[in-house]
Structure formats: structure tokens, C-alpha cells
PDB file of all heavy atoms in Angstrom:
ATOM      1  N   GLY A   1      74.886 -46.209-121.561  1.00  0.00           N
ATOM      2  CA  GLY A   1      75.657 -45.109-121.006  1.00  0.00           C
ATOM      3  C   GLY A   1      77.003 -45.467-120.413  1.00  0.00           C
ATOM      4  O   GLY A   1      77.700 -44.594-119.892  1.00  0.00           O
ATOM      5  N   LEU A   2      77.385 -46.742-120.498  1.00  0.00           N
ATOM      6  CA  LEU A   2      78.656 -47.173-119.897  1.00  0.00           C
ATOM      7  C   LEU A   2      79.379 -48.120-120.844  1.00  0.00           C
ATOM      8  O   LEU A   2      78.833 -49.157-121.234  1.00  0.00           O
ATOM      9  CB  LEU A   2      78.371 -47.868-118.564  1.00  0.00           C
ATOM     10  CG  LEU A   2      79.581 -48.213-117.681  1.00  0.00           C
ATOM     11  CD1 LEU A   2      80.327 -46.945-117.270  1.00  0.00           C
ATOM     12  CD2 LEU A   2      79.128 -48.984-116.453  1.00  0.00           C
ATOM     13  N   ASP A   3      80.600 -47.757-121.210  1.00  0.00           N
ATOM     14  CA  ASP A   3      81.392 -48.596-122.115  1.00  0.00           C
ATOM     15  C   ASP A   3      81.877 -49.854-121.398  1.00  0.00           C
ATOM     16  O   ASP A   3      82.021 -49.875-120.174  1.00  0.00           O
ATOM     17  CB  ASP A   3      82.604 -47.821-122.637  1.00  0.00           C
ATOM     18  CG  ASP A   3      82.210 -46.697-123.579  1.00  0.00           C
ATOM     19  OD1 ASP A   3      81.133 -46.792-124.199  1.00  0.00           O
ATOM     20  OD2 ASP A   3      82.976 -45.715-123.672  1.00  0.00           O
ATOM     21  N   GLY A   4      82.162 -50.887-122.179  1.00  0.00           N
ATOM     22  CA  GLY A   4      82.783 -52.091-121.637  1.00  0.00           C
ATOM     23  C   GLY A   4      81.839 -53.000-120.877  1.00  0.00           C
ATOM     24  O   GLY A   4      82.287 -53.822-120.078  1.00  0.00           O
ATOM     25  N   VAL A   5      80.534 -52.858-121.108  1.00  0.00           N
ATOM     26  CA  VAL A   5      79.551 -53.713-120.443  1.00  0.00           C
ATOM     27  C   VAL A   5      78.682 -54.381-121.500  1.00  0.00           C
ATOM     28  O   VAL A   5      78.280 -53.749-122.478  1.00  0.00           O
ATOM     29  CB  VAL A   5      78.629 -52.913-119.488  1.00  0.00           C
ATOM     30  CG1 VAL A   5      77.756 -53.859-118.681  1.00  0.00           C
ATOM     31  CG2 VAL A   5      79.425 -52.020-118.577  1.00  0.00           C
ATOM     32  N   THR A   6      78.401 -55.642-121.301  1.00  0.00           N
ATOM     33  CA  THR A   6      77.522 -56.350-122.221  1.00  0.00           C
ATOM     34  C   THR A   6      76.592 -57.272-121.433  1.00  0.00           C
ATOM     35  O   THR A   6      76.899 -57.665-120.314  1.00  0.00           O
ATOM     36  CB  THR A   6      78.340 -57.176-123.246  1.00  0.00           C
ATOM     37  OG1 THR A   6      77.454 -57.703-124.236  1.00  0.00           O
ATOM     38  CG2 THR A   6      79.074 -58.336-122.573  1.00  0.00           C
ATOM     39  N   VAL A   7      75.456 -57.564-122.026  1.00  0.00           N
ATOM     40  CA  VAL A   7      74.505 -58.486-121.413  1.00  0.00           C
ATOM     41  C   VAL A   7      74.632 -59.836-122.092  1.00  0.00           C
ATOM     42  O   VAL A   7      74.655 -59.918-123.323  1.00  0.00           O
ATOM     43  CB  VAL A   7      73.053 -57.977-121.552  1.00  0.00           C
ATOM     44  CG1 VAL A   7      72.074 -58.995-120.971  1.00  0.00           C
ATOM     45  CG2 VAL A   7      72.887 -56.648-120.845  1.00  0.00           C
ATOM     46  N   SER A   8      74.764 -60.877-121.296  1.00  0.00           N
ATOM     47  CA  SER A   8      74.793 -62.220-121.856  1.00  0.00           C
ATOM     48  C   SER A   8      73.370 -62.586-122.275  1.00  0.00           C
ATOM     49  O   SER A   8      72.435 -62.498-121.473  1.00  0.00           O
ATOM     50  CB  SER A   8      75.296 -63.215-120.810  1.00  0.00           C
ATOM     51  OG  SER A   8      75.275 -64.529-121.330  1.00  0.00           O
ATOM     52  N   ILE A   9      73.205 -62.952-123.514  1.00  0.00           N
ATOM     53  CA  ILE A   9      71.875 -63.285-124.034  1.00  0.00           C
ATOM     54  C   ILE A   9      71.526 -64.717-123.647  1.00  0.00           C
ATOM     55  O   ILE A   9      72.248 -65.647-123.975  1.00  0.00           O
ATOM     56  CB  ILE A   9      71.829 -63.108-125.567  1.00  0.00           C
ATOM     57  CG1 ILE A   9      72.187 -61.664-125.938  1.00  0.00           C
ATOM     58  CG2 ILE A   9      70.454 -63.462-126.110  1.00  0.00           C
ATOM     59  CD1 ILE A   9      72.375 -61.435-127.421  1.00  0.00           C
ATOM     60  N   SER A  10      70.436 -64.853-122.930  1.00  0.00           N
ATOM     61  CA  SER A  10      70.007 -66.172-122.457  1.00  0.00           C
ATOM     62  C   SER A  10      69.194 -66.913-123.507  1.00  0.00           C
ATOM     63  O   SER A  10      68.610 -66.310-124.411  1.00  0.00           O
ATOM     64  CB  SER A  10      69.154 -66.019-121.187  1.00  0.00           C
ATOM     65  OG  SER A  10      69.884 -65.415-120.160  1.00  0.00           O
ATOM     66  N   HIS A  11      69.161 -68.223-123.356  1.00  0.00           N
ATOM     67  CA  HIS A  11      68.264 -69.065-124.136  1.00  0.00           C
ATOM     68  C   HIS A  11      66.967 -69.249-123.359  1.00  0.00           C
ATOM     69  O   HIS A  11      67.001 -69.381-122.129  1.00  0.00           O
ATOM     70  CB  HIS A  11      68.899 -70.431-124.395  1.00  0.00           C
ATOM     71  CG  HIS A  11      70.035 -70.410-125.372  1.00  0.00           C
ATOM     72  ND1 HIS A  11      71.245 -69.803-125.089  1.00  0.00           N
ATOM     73  CD2 HIS A  11      70.145 -70.923-126.627  1.00  0.00           C
ATOM     74  CE1 HIS A  11      72.050 -69.956-126.139  1.00  0.00           C
ATOM     75  NE2 HIS A  11      71.409 -70.615-127.076  1.00  0.00           N
ATOM     76  N   THR A  12      65.854 -69.243-124.040  1.00  0.00           N
ATOM     77  CA  THR A  12      64.581 -69.459-123.354  1.00  0.00           C
ATOM     78  C   THR A  12      63.598 -70.212-124.250  1.00  0.00           C
ATOM     79  O   THR A  12      63.678 -70.118-125.478  1.00  0.00           O
ATOM     80  CB  THR A  12      63.945 -68.125-122.906  1.00  0.00           C
ATOM     81  OG1 THR A  12      62.740 -68.394-122.184  1.00  0.00           O
ATOM     82  CG2 THR A  12      63.596 -67.240-124.105  1.00  0.00           C
ATOM     83  N   THR A  13      62.701 -70.906-123.601  1.00  0.00           N
ATOM     84  CA  THR A  13      61.657 -71.635-124.333  1.00  0.00           C
ATOM     85  C   THR A  13      60.340 -70.855-124.343  1.00  0.00           C
ATOM     86  O   THR A  13      59.364 -71.319-124.913  1.00  0.00           O
ATOM     87  CB  THR A  13      61.401 -73.022-123.705  1.00  0.00           C
ATOM     88  OG1 THR A  13      60.990 -72.841-122.338  1.00  0.00           O
ATOM     89  CG2 THR A  13      62.663 -73.869-123.743  1.00  0.00           C
ATOM     90  N   ARG A  14      60.308 -69.673-123.712  1.00  0.00           N
ATOM     91  CA  ARG A  14      59.051 -68.917-123.698  1.00  0.00           C
ATOM     92  C   ARG A  14      58.799 -68.268-125.052  1.00  0.00           C
ATOM     93  O   ARG A  14      59.714 -68.109-125.862  1.00  0.00           O
ATOM     94  CB  ARG A  14      59.051 -67.884-122.571  1.00  0.00           C
ATOM     95  CG  ARG A  14      59.844 -66.624-122.824  1.00  0.00           C
ATOM     96  CD  ARG A  14      59.332 -65.509-121.908  1.00  0.00           C
ATOM     97  NE  ARG A  14      60.173 -64.326-121.890  1.00  0.00           N
ATOM     98  CZ  ARG A  14      60.216 -63.405-122.848  1.00  0.00           C
ATOM     99  NH1 ARG A  14      59.526 -63.567-123.970  1.00  0.00           N
ATOM    100  NH2 ARG A  14      60.995 -62.352-122.708  1.00  0.00           N
ATOM    101  N   GLN A  15      57.567 -67.856-125.248  1.00  0.00           N
ATOM    102  CA  GLN A  15      57.195 -67.214-126.503  1.00  0.00           C
ATOM    103  C   GLN A  15      57.776 -65.805-126.591  1.00  0.00           C
ATOM    104  O   GLN A  15      57.938 -65.114-125.587  1.00  0.00           O
ATOM    105  CB  GLN A  15      55.667 -67.137-126.621  1.00  0.00           C
ATOM    106  CG  GLN A  15      54.989 -68.491-126.771  1.00  0.00           C
ATOM    107  CD  GLN A  15      55.419 -69.200-128.042  1.00  0.00           C
ATOM    108  OE1 GLN A  15      55.323 -68.651-129.144  1.00  0.00           O
ATOM    109  NE2 GLN A  15      55.904 -70.430-127.907  1.00  0.00           N
ATOM    110  N   MET A  16      58.078 -65.387-127.798  1.00  0.00           N
ATOM    111  CA  MET A  16      58.612 -64.056-128.033  1.00  0.00           C
ATOM    112  C   MET A  16      57.519 -63.013-127.794  1.00  0.00           C
ATOM    113  O   MET A  16      56.393 -63.171-128.258  1.00  0.00           O
ATOM    114  CB  MET A  16      59.127 -63.956-129.480  1.00  0.00           C
ATOM    115  CG  MET A  16      59.998 -62.754-129.763  1.00  0.00           C
ATOM    116  SD  MET A  16      60.506 -62.674-131.507  1.00  0.00           S
ATOM    117  CE  MET A  16      61.374 -64.244-131.704  1.00  0.00           C
ATOM    118  N   ARG A  17      57.861 -61.963-127.041  1.00  0.00           N
ATOM    119  CA  ARG A  17      56.911 -60.887-126.784  1.00  0.00           C
ATOM    120  C   ARG A  17      56.999 -59.838-127.890  1.00  0.00           C
ATOM    121  O   ARG A  17      58.008 -59.764-128.597  1.00  0.00           O
ATOM    122  CB  ARG A  17      57.199 -60.230-125.426  1.00  0.00           C
ATOM    123  CG  ARG A  17      56.914 -61.117-124.229  1.00  0.00           C
ATOM    124  CD  ARG A  17      57.379 -60.480-122.942  1.00  0.00           C
ATOM    125  NE  ARG A  17      57.164 -61.347-121.779  1.00  0.00           N
ATOM    126  CZ  ARG A  17      57.770 -61.204-120.614  1.00  0.00           C
ATOM    127  NH1 ARG A  17      58.649 -60.230-120.447  1.00  0.00           N
ATOM    128  NH2 ARG A  17      57.506 -62.028-119.618  1.00  0.00           N
ATOM    129  N   PRO A  18      55.959 -59.008-128.045  1.00  0.00           N
ATOM    130  CA  PRO A  18      55.984 -57.957-129.071  1.00  0.00           C
ATOM    131  C   PRO A  18      57.204 -57.063-128.923  1.00  0.00           C
ATOM    132  O   PRO A  18      57.525 -56.606-127.817  1.00  0.00           O
ATOM    133  CB  PRO A  18      54.693 -57.171-128.796  1.00  0.00           C
ATOM    134  CG  PRO A  18      53.780 -58.166-128.154  1.00  0.00           C
ATOM    135  CD  PRO A  18      54.667 -59.044-127.319  1.00  0.00           C
ATOM    136  N   GLY A  19      57.909 -56.839-130.033  1.00  0.00           N
ATOM    137  CA  GLY A  19      59.085 -55.971-130.015  1.00  0.00           C
ATOM    138  C   GLY A  19      60.392 -56.675-129.737  1.00  0.00           C
ATOM    139  O   GLY A  19      61.459 -56.091-129.914  1.00  0.00           O
ATOM    140  N   GLU A  20      60.336 -57.931-129.280  1.00  0.00           N
ATOM    141  CA  GLU A  20      61.571 -58.663-128.990  1.00  0.00           C
ATOM    142  C   GLU A  20      62.177 -59.229-130.280  1.00  0.00           C
ATOM    143  O   GLU A  20      61.479 -59.502-131.249  1.00  0.00           O
ATOM    144  CB  GLU A  20      61.303 -59.801-127.998  1.00  0.00           C
ATOM    145  CG  GLU A  20      61.009 -59.306-126.595  1.00  0.00           C
ATOM    146  CD  GLU A  20      60.839 -60.438-125.594  1.00  0.00           C
ATOM    147  OE1 GLU A  20      60.365 -61.517-125.977  1.00  0.00           O
ATOM    148  OE2 GLU A  20      61.175 -60.222-124.413  1.00  0.00           O
ATOM    149  N   VAL A  21      63.498 -59.398-130.236  1.00  0.00           N
ATOM    150  CA  VAL A  21      64.232 -59.886-131.406  1.00  0.00           C
ATOM    151  C   VAL A  21      65.067 -61.099-131.011  1.00  0.00           C
ATOM    152  O   VAL A  21      65.795 -61.054-130.005  1.00  0.00           O
ATOM    153  CB  VAL A  21      65.158 -58.782-131.975  1.00  0.00           C
ATOM    154  CG1 VAL A  21      65.958 -59.314-133.162  1.00  0.00           C
ATOM    155  CG2 VAL A  21      64.338 -57.558-132.381  1.00  0.00           C
ATOM    156  N   HIS A  22      64.964 -62.169-131.800  1.00  0.00           N
ATOM    157  CA  HIS A  22      65.770 -63.371-131.547  1.00  0.00           C
ATOM    158  C   HIS A  22      67.247 -63.028-131.718  1.00  0.00           C
ATOM    159  O   HIS A  22      67.655 -62.389-132.692  1.00  0.00           O
ATOM    160  CB  HIS A  22      65.381 -64.465-132.544  1.00  0.00           C
ATOM    161  CG  HIS A  22      66.224 -65.711-132.438  1.00  0.00           C
ATOM    162  ND1 HIS A  22      66.054 -66.630-131.436  1.00  0.00           N
ATOM    163  CD2 HIS A  22      67.264 -66.156-133.200  1.00  0.00           C
ATOM    164  CE1 HIS A  22      66.936 -67.613-131.586  1.00  0.00           C
ATOM    165  NE2 HIS A  22      67.679 -67.337-132.647  1.00  0.00           N
ATOM    166  N   GLY A  23      68.065 -63.421-130.743  1.00  0.00           N
ATOM    167  CA  GLY A  23      69.495 -63.150-130.796  1.00  0.00           C
ATOM    168  C   GLY A  23      69.883 -61.810-130.211  1.00  0.00           C
ATOM    169  O   GLY A  23      71.070 -61.507-130.052  1.00  0.00           O
ATOM    170  N   LYS A  24      68.890 -60.995-129.861  1.00  0.00           N
ATOM    171  CA  LYS A  24      69.159 -59.700-129.232  1.00  0.00           C
ATOM    172  C   LYS A  24      68.601 -59.681-127.819  1.00  0.00           C
ATOM    173  O   LYS A  24      69.309 -59.343-126.866  1.00  0.00           O
ATOM    174  CB  LYS A  24      68.543 -58.568-130.052  1.00  0.00           C
ATOM    175  CG  LYS A  24      68.777 -57.193-129.449  1.00  0.00           C
ATOM    176  CD  LYS A  24      68.123 -56.109-130.303  1.00  0.00           C
ATOM    177  CE  LYS A  24      68.316 -54.733-129.656  1.00  0.00           C
ATOM    178  NZ  LYS A  24      67.633 -53.655-130.429  1.00  0.00           N
ATOM    179  N   ASP A  25      67.341 -60.032-127.680  1.00  0.00           N
ATOM    180  CA  ASP A  25      66.731 -60.088-126.346  1.00  0.00           C
ATOM    181  C   ASP A  25      66.955 -61.461-125.712  1.00  0.00           C
ATOM    182  O   ASP A  25      67.320 -61.562-124.546  1.00  0.00           O
ATOM    183  CB  ASP A  25      65.230 -59.788-126.442  1.00  0.00           C
ATOM    184  CG  ASP A  25      64.970 -58.391-126.977  1.00  0.00           C
ATOM    185  OD1 ASP A  25      65.213 -57.426-126.238  1.00  0.00           O
ATOM    186  OD2 ASP A  25      64.539 -58.273-128.146  1.00  0.00           O
ATOM    187  N   TYR A  26      66.690 -62.489-126.476  1.00  0.00           N
ATOM    188  CA  TYR A  26      66.902 -63.882-126.062  1.00  0.00           C
ATOM    189  C   TYR A  26      67.192 -64.708-127.301  1.00  0.00           C
ATOM    190  O   TYR A  26      66.923 -64.282-128.432  1.00  0.00           O
ATOM    191  CB  TYR A  26      65.634 -64.474-125.396  1.00  0.00           C
ATOM    192  CG  TYR A  26      65.352 -64.012-123.990  1.00  0.00           C
ATOM    193  CD1 TYR A  26      64.471 -62.963-123.764  1.00  0.00           C
ATOM    194  CD2 TYR A  26      65.934 -64.631-122.888  1.00  0.00           C
ATOM    195  CE1 TYR A  26      64.185 -62.531-122.467  1.00  0.00           C
ATOM    196  CE2 TYR A  26      65.665 -64.214-121.593  1.00  0.00           C
ATOM    197  CZ  TYR A  26      64.784 -63.166-121.398  1.00  0.00           C
ATOM    198  OH  TYR A  26      64.510 -62.748-120.118  1.00  0.00           O
ATOM    199  N   TYR A  27      67.725 -65.912-127.068  1.00  0.00           N
ATOM    200  CA  TYR A  27      67.715 -66.938-128.103  1.00  0.00           C
ATOM    201  C   TYR A  27      66.469 -67.773-127.819  1.00  0.00           C
ATOM    202  O   TYR A  27      66.405 -68.488-126.823  1.00  0.00           O
ATOM    203  CB  TYR A  27      68.974 -67.802-128.036  1.00  0.00           C
ATOM    204  CG  TYR A  27      70.251 -67.052-128.376  1.00  0.00           C
ATOM    205  CD1 TYR A  27      71.227 -66.824-127.406  1.00  0.00           C
ATOM    206  CD2 TYR A  27      70.475 -66.577-129.667  1.00  0.00           C
ATOM    207  CE1 TYR A  27      72.397 -66.138-127.713  1.00  0.00           C
ATOM    208  CE2 TYR A  27      71.636 -65.883-129.976  1.00  0.00           C
ATOM    209  CZ  TYR A  27      72.584 -65.668-129.003  1.00  0.00           C
ATOM    210  OH  TYR A  27      73.732 -64.981-129.314  1.00  0.00           O
ATOM    211  N   PHE A  28      65.473 -67.653-128.674  1.00  0.00           N
ATOM    212  CA  PHE A  28      64.213 -68.369-128.474  1.00  0.00           C
ATOM    213  C   PHE A  28      64.330 -69.760-129.103  1.00  0.00           C
ATOM    214  O   PHE A  28      64.518 -69.882-130.319  1.00  0.00           O
ATOM    215  CB  PHE A  28      63.054 -67.586-129.091  1.00  0.00           C
ATOM    216  CG  PHE A  28      62.823 -66.253-128.425  1.00  0.00           C
ATOM    217  CD1 PHE A  28      63.396 -65.094-128.934  1.00  0.00           C
ATOM    218  CD2 PHE A  28      62.036 -66.158-127.290  1.00  0.00           C
ATOM    219  CE1 PHE A  28      63.195 -63.861-128.314  1.00  0.00           C
ATOM    220  CE2 PHE A  28      61.826 -64.934-126.664  1.00  0.00           C
ATOM    221  CZ  PHE A  28      62.406 -63.784-127.175  1.00  0.00           C
ATOM    222  N   VAL A  29      64.244 -70.776-128.258  1.00  0.00           N
ATOM    223  CA  VAL A  29      64.432 -72.148-128.718  1.00  0.00           C
ATOM    224  C   VAL A  29      63.273 -73.020-128.248  1.00  0.00           C
ATOM    225  O   VAL A  29      62.517 -72.647-127.341  1.00  0.00           O
ATOM    226  CB  VAL A  29      65.768 -72.742-128.203  1.00  0.00           C
ATOM    227  CG1 VAL A  29      66.950 -71.952-128.752  1.00  0.00           C
ATOM    228  CG2 VAL A  29      65.805 -72.754-126.675  1.00  0.00           C
ATOM    229  N   SER A  30      63.151 -74.172-128.856  1.00  0.00           N
ATOM    230  CA  SER A  30      62.115 -75.119-128.442  1.00  0.00           C
ATOM    231  C   SER A  30      62.559 -75.852-127.185  1.00  0.00           C
ATOM    232  O   SER A  30      63.742 -75.823-126.817  1.00  0.00           O
ATOM    233  CB  SER A  30      61.854 -76.131-129.559  1.00  0.00           C
ATOM    234  OG  SER A  30      63.000 -76.956-129.738  1.00  0.00           O
ATOM    235  N   VAL A  31      61.613 -76.505-126.541  1.00  0.00           N
ATOM    236  CA  VAL A  31      61.946 -77.294-125.351  1.00  0.00           C
ATOM    237  C   VAL A  31      62.939 -78.393-125.719  1.00  0.00           C
ATOM    238  O   VAL A  31      63.881 -78.669-124.961  1.00  0.00           O
ATOM    239  CB  VAL A  31      60.669 -77.900-124.723  1.00  0.00           C
ATOM    240  CG1 VAL A  31      61.023 -78.844-123.580  1.00  0.00           C
ATOM    241  CG2 VAL A  31      59.752 -76.788-124.209  1.00  0.00           C
ATOM    242  N   ALA A  32      62.741 -79.005-126.880  1.00  0.00           N
ATOM    243  CA  ALA A  32      63.646 -80.075-127.324  1.00  0.00           C
ATOM    244  C   ALA A  32      65.068 -79.548-127.508  1.00  0.00           C
ATOM    245  O   ALA A  32      66.042 -80.199-127.101  1.00  0.00           O
ATOM    246  CB  ALA A  32      63.137 -80.686-128.625  1.00  0.00           C
ATOM    247  N   GLU A  33      65.199 -78.366-128.114  1.00  0.00           N
ATOM    248  CA  GLU A  33      66.523 -77.766-128.317  1.00  0.00           C
ATOM    249  C   GLU A  33      67.178 -77.444-126.973  1.00  0.00           C
ATOM    250  O   GLU A  33      68.382 -77.657-126.788  1.00  0.00           O
ATOM    251  CB  GLU A  33      66.406 -76.481-129.145  1.00  0.00           C
ATOM    252  CG  GLU A  33      66.075 -76.696-130.606  1.00  0.00           C
ATOM    253  CD  GLU A  33      65.856 -75.385-131.340  1.00  0.00           C
ATOM    254  OE1 GLU A  33      64.912 -74.661-130.983  1.00  0.00           O
ATOM    255  OE2 GLU A  33      66.640 -75.079-132.256  1.00  0.00           O
ATOM    256  N   PHE A  34      66.383 -76.916-126.067  1.00  0.00           N
ATOM    257  CA  PHE A  34      66.905 -76.558-124.749  1.00  0.00           C
ATOM    258  C   PHE A  34      67.419 -77.795-124.021  1.00  0.00           C
ATOM    259  O   PHE A  34      68.511 -77.789-123.451  1.00  0.00           O
ATOM    260  CB  PHE A  34      65.812 -75.865-123.920  1.00  0.00           C
ATOM    261  CG  PHE A  34      66.328 -75.183-122.687  1.00  0.00           C
ATOM    262  CD1 PHE A  34      66.650 -73.834-122.710  1.00  0.00           C
ATOM    263  CD2 PHE A  34      66.502 -75.880-121.500  1.00  0.00           C
ATOM    264  CE1 PHE A  34      67.135 -73.193-121.571  1.00  0.00           C
ATOM    265  CE2 PHE A  34      66.987 -75.261-120.357  1.00  0.00           C
ATOM    266  CZ  PHE A  34      67.303 -73.911-120.400  1.00  0.00           C
ATOM    267  N   LYS A  35      66.638 -78.862-124.054  1.00  0.00           N
ATOM    268  CA  LYS A  35      67.026 -80.092-123.363  1.00  0.00           C
ATOM    269  C   LYS A  35      68.271 -80.719-123.989  1.00  0.00           C
ATOM    270  O   LYS A  35      69.098 -81.309-123.293  1.00  0.00           O
ATOM    271  CB  LYS A  35      65.862 -81.076-123.347  1.00  0.00           C
ATOM    272  CG  LYS A  35      64.747 -80.635-122.404  1.00  0.00           C
ATOM    273  CD  LYS A  35      63.628 -81.660-122.304  1.00  0.00           C
ATOM    274  CE  LYS A  35      62.597 -81.236-121.267  1.00  0.00           C
ATOM    275  NZ  LYS A  35      61.474 -82.204-121.169  1.00  0.00           N
ATOM    276  N   ALA A  36      68.421 -80.546-125.306  1.00  0.00           N
ATOM    277  CA  ALA A  36      69.621 -81.050-125.978  1.00  0.00           C
ATOM    278  C   ALA A  36      70.861 -80.304-125.490  1.00  0.00           C
ATOM    279  O   ALA A  36      71.923 -80.901-125.282  1.00  0.00           O
ATOM    280  CB  ALA A  36      69.472 -80.905-127.493  1.00  0.00           C
ATOM    281  N   MET A  37      70.719 -78.992-125.294  1.00  0.00           N
ATOM    282  CA  MET A  37      71.839 -78.195-124.757  1.00  0.00           C
ATOM    283  C   MET A  37      72.151 -78.597-123.323  1.00  0.00           C
ATOM    284  O   MET A  37      73.319 -78.637-122.922  1.00  0.00           O
ATOM    285  CB  MET A  37      71.504 -76.700-124.835  1.00  0.00           C
ATOM    286  CG  MET A  37      71.441 -76.154-126.247  1.00  0.00           C
ATOM    287  SD  MET A  37      71.132 -74.363-126.300  1.00  0.00           S
ATOM    288  CE  MET A  37      72.697 -73.715-125.684  1.00  0.00           C
ATOM    289  N   LEU A  38      71.114 -78.914-122.568  1.00  0.00           N
ATOM    290  CA  LEU A  38      71.318 -79.384-121.196  1.00  0.00           C
ATOM    291  C   LEU A  38      72.146 -80.669-121.177  1.00  0.00           C
ATOM    292  O   LEU A  38      73.062 -80.813-120.368  1.00  0.00           O
ATOM    293  CB  LEU A  38      69.965 -79.647-120.516  1.00  0.00           C
ATOM    294  CG  LEU A  38      69.294 -78.496-119.772  1.00  0.00           C
ATOM    295  CD1 LEU A  38      67.973 -78.955-119.184  1.00  0.00           C
ATOM    296  CD2 LEU A  38      70.194 -77.963-118.669  1.00  0.00           C
ATOM    297  N   GLU A  39      71.826 -81.558-122.079  1.00  0.00           N
ATOM    298  CA  GLU A  39      72.537 -82.830-122.149  1.00  0.00           C
ATOM    299  C   GLU A  39      74.008 -82.629-122.519  1.00  0.00           C
ATOM    300  O   GLU A  39      74.867 -83.393-122.084  1.00  0.00           O
ATOM    301  CB  GLU A  39      71.853 -83.754-123.161  1.00  0.00           C
ATOM    302  CG  GLU A  39      70.493 -84.267-122.693  1.00  0.00           C
ATOM    303  CD  GLU A  39      69.813 -85.141-123.729  1.00  0.00           C
ATOM    304  OE1 GLU A  39      70.434 -85.417-124.785  1.00  0.00           O
ATOM    305  OE2 GLU A  39      68.654 -85.545-123.490  1.00  0.00           O
ATOM    306  N   ARG A  40      74.283 -81.604-123.303  1.00  0.00           N
ATOM    307  CA  ARG A  40      75.668 -81.295-123.692  1.00  0.00           C
ATOM    308  C   ARG A  40      76.389 -80.486-122.611  1.00  0.00           C
ATOM    309  O   ARG A  40      77.550 -80.122-122.786  1.00  0.00           O
ATOM    310  CB  ARG A  40      75.695 -80.501-125.007  1.00  0.00           C
ATOM    311  CG  ARG A  40      75.111 -81.203-126.206  1.00  0.00           C
ATOM    312  CD  ARG A  40      75.572 -80.543-127.495  1.00  0.00           C
ATOM    313  NE  ARG A  40      75.239 -79.125-127.557  1.00  0.00           N
ATOM    314  CZ  ARG A  40      74.100 -78.634-128.046  1.00  0.00           C
ATOM    315  NH1 ARG A  40      73.157 -79.464-128.479  1.00  0.00           N
ATOM    316  NH2 ARG A  40      73.887 -77.328-128.082  1.00  0.00           N
ATOM    317  N   GLN A  41      75.675 -80.184-121.519  1.00  0.00           N
ATOM    318  CA  GLN A  41      76.213 -79.352-120.426  1.00  0.00           C
ATOM    319  C   GLN A  41      76.709 -78.008-120.958  1.00  0.00           C
ATOM    320  O   GLN A  41      77.773 -77.505-120.569  1.00  0.00           O
ATOM    321  CB  GLN A  41      77.332 -80.088-119.692  1.00  0.00           C
ATOM    322  CG  GLN A  41      76.859 -81.381-119.023  1.00  0.00           C
ATOM    323  CD  GLN A  41      77.946 -82.060-118.228  1.00  0.00           C
ATOM    324  OE1 GLN A  41      79.123 -81.985-118.582  1.00  0.00           O
ATOM    325  NE2 GLN A  41      77.565 -82.726-117.144  1.00  0.00           N
ATOM    326  N   ALA A  42      75.906 -77.419-121.833  1.00  0.00           N
ATOM    327  CA  ALA A  42      76.282 -76.161-122.467  1.00  0.00           C
ATOM    328  C   ALA A  42      75.953 -74.940-121.619  1.00  0.00           C
ATOM    329  O   ALA A  42      76.388 -73.831-121.935  1.00  0.00           O
ATOM    330  CB  ALA A  42      75.573 -76.039-123.823  1.00  0.00           C
ATOM    331  N   PHE A  43      75.187 -75.132-120.552  1.00  0.00           N
ATOM    332  CA  PHE A  43      74.736 -73.994-119.749  1.00  0.00           C
ATOM    333  C   PHE A  43      75.578 -73.782-118.498  1.00  0.00           C
ATOM    334  O   PHE A  43      75.922 -74.733-117.802  1.00  0.00           O
ATOM    335  CB  PHE A  43      73.273 -74.173-119.340  1.00  0.00           C
ATOM    336  CG  PHE A  43      72.306 -74.079-120.488  1.00  0.00           C
ATOM    337  CD1 PHE A  43      71.453 -75.146-120.781  1.00  0.00           C
ATOM    338  CD2 PHE A  43      72.230 -72.944-121.274  1.00  0.00           C
ATOM    339  CE1 PHE A  43      70.560 -75.067-121.826  1.00  0.00           C
ATOM    340  CE2 PHE A  43      71.337 -72.860-122.328  1.00  0.00           C
ATOM    341  CZ  PHE A  43      70.500 -73.922-122.604  1.00  0.00           C
ATOM    342  N   LEU A  44      75.849 -72.508-118.226  1.00  0.00           N
ATOM    343  CA  LEU A  44      76.502 -72.117-116.981  1.00  0.00           C
ATOM    344  C   LEU A  44      75.502 -72.218-115.837  1.00  0.00           C
ATOM    345  O   LEU A  44      75.833 -72.589-114.712  1.00  0.00           O
ATOM    346  CB  LEU A  44      77.019 -70.681-117.100  1.00  0.00           C
ATOM    347  CG  LEU A  44      77.927 -70.128-116.017  1.00  0.00           C
ATOM    348  CD1 LEU A  44      79.187 -70.969-115.897  1.00  0.00           C
ATOM    349  CD2 LEU A  44      78.294 -68.683-116.334  1.00  0.00           C
TER     350      LEU A  44
END
């Protein structure tokens, strides 16, 4: 209902829940992938 607003899609290692979509609700990644991003200091 409001223009000019967006949600930043987070990365998570949890399992996808029914109805959720990768890249829309979350970026669902493995623990190894998440830790690799941590090492690259990719997270705010």
C-alpha cells in the first residue's frame, strides 16, 4: 500500500516453510555458504 518501500531479503540457513519462495522471502543457503559469506564480510 505504499510506494517507494522495499524489504531487504535476508539470507538464512533455516528450512523453507510451506509457501515460501527462495529469493522472495529469504535466500535459503547452507551453513557452509553462510559461513563463506561471513568470511568475505558480505553481511551488514
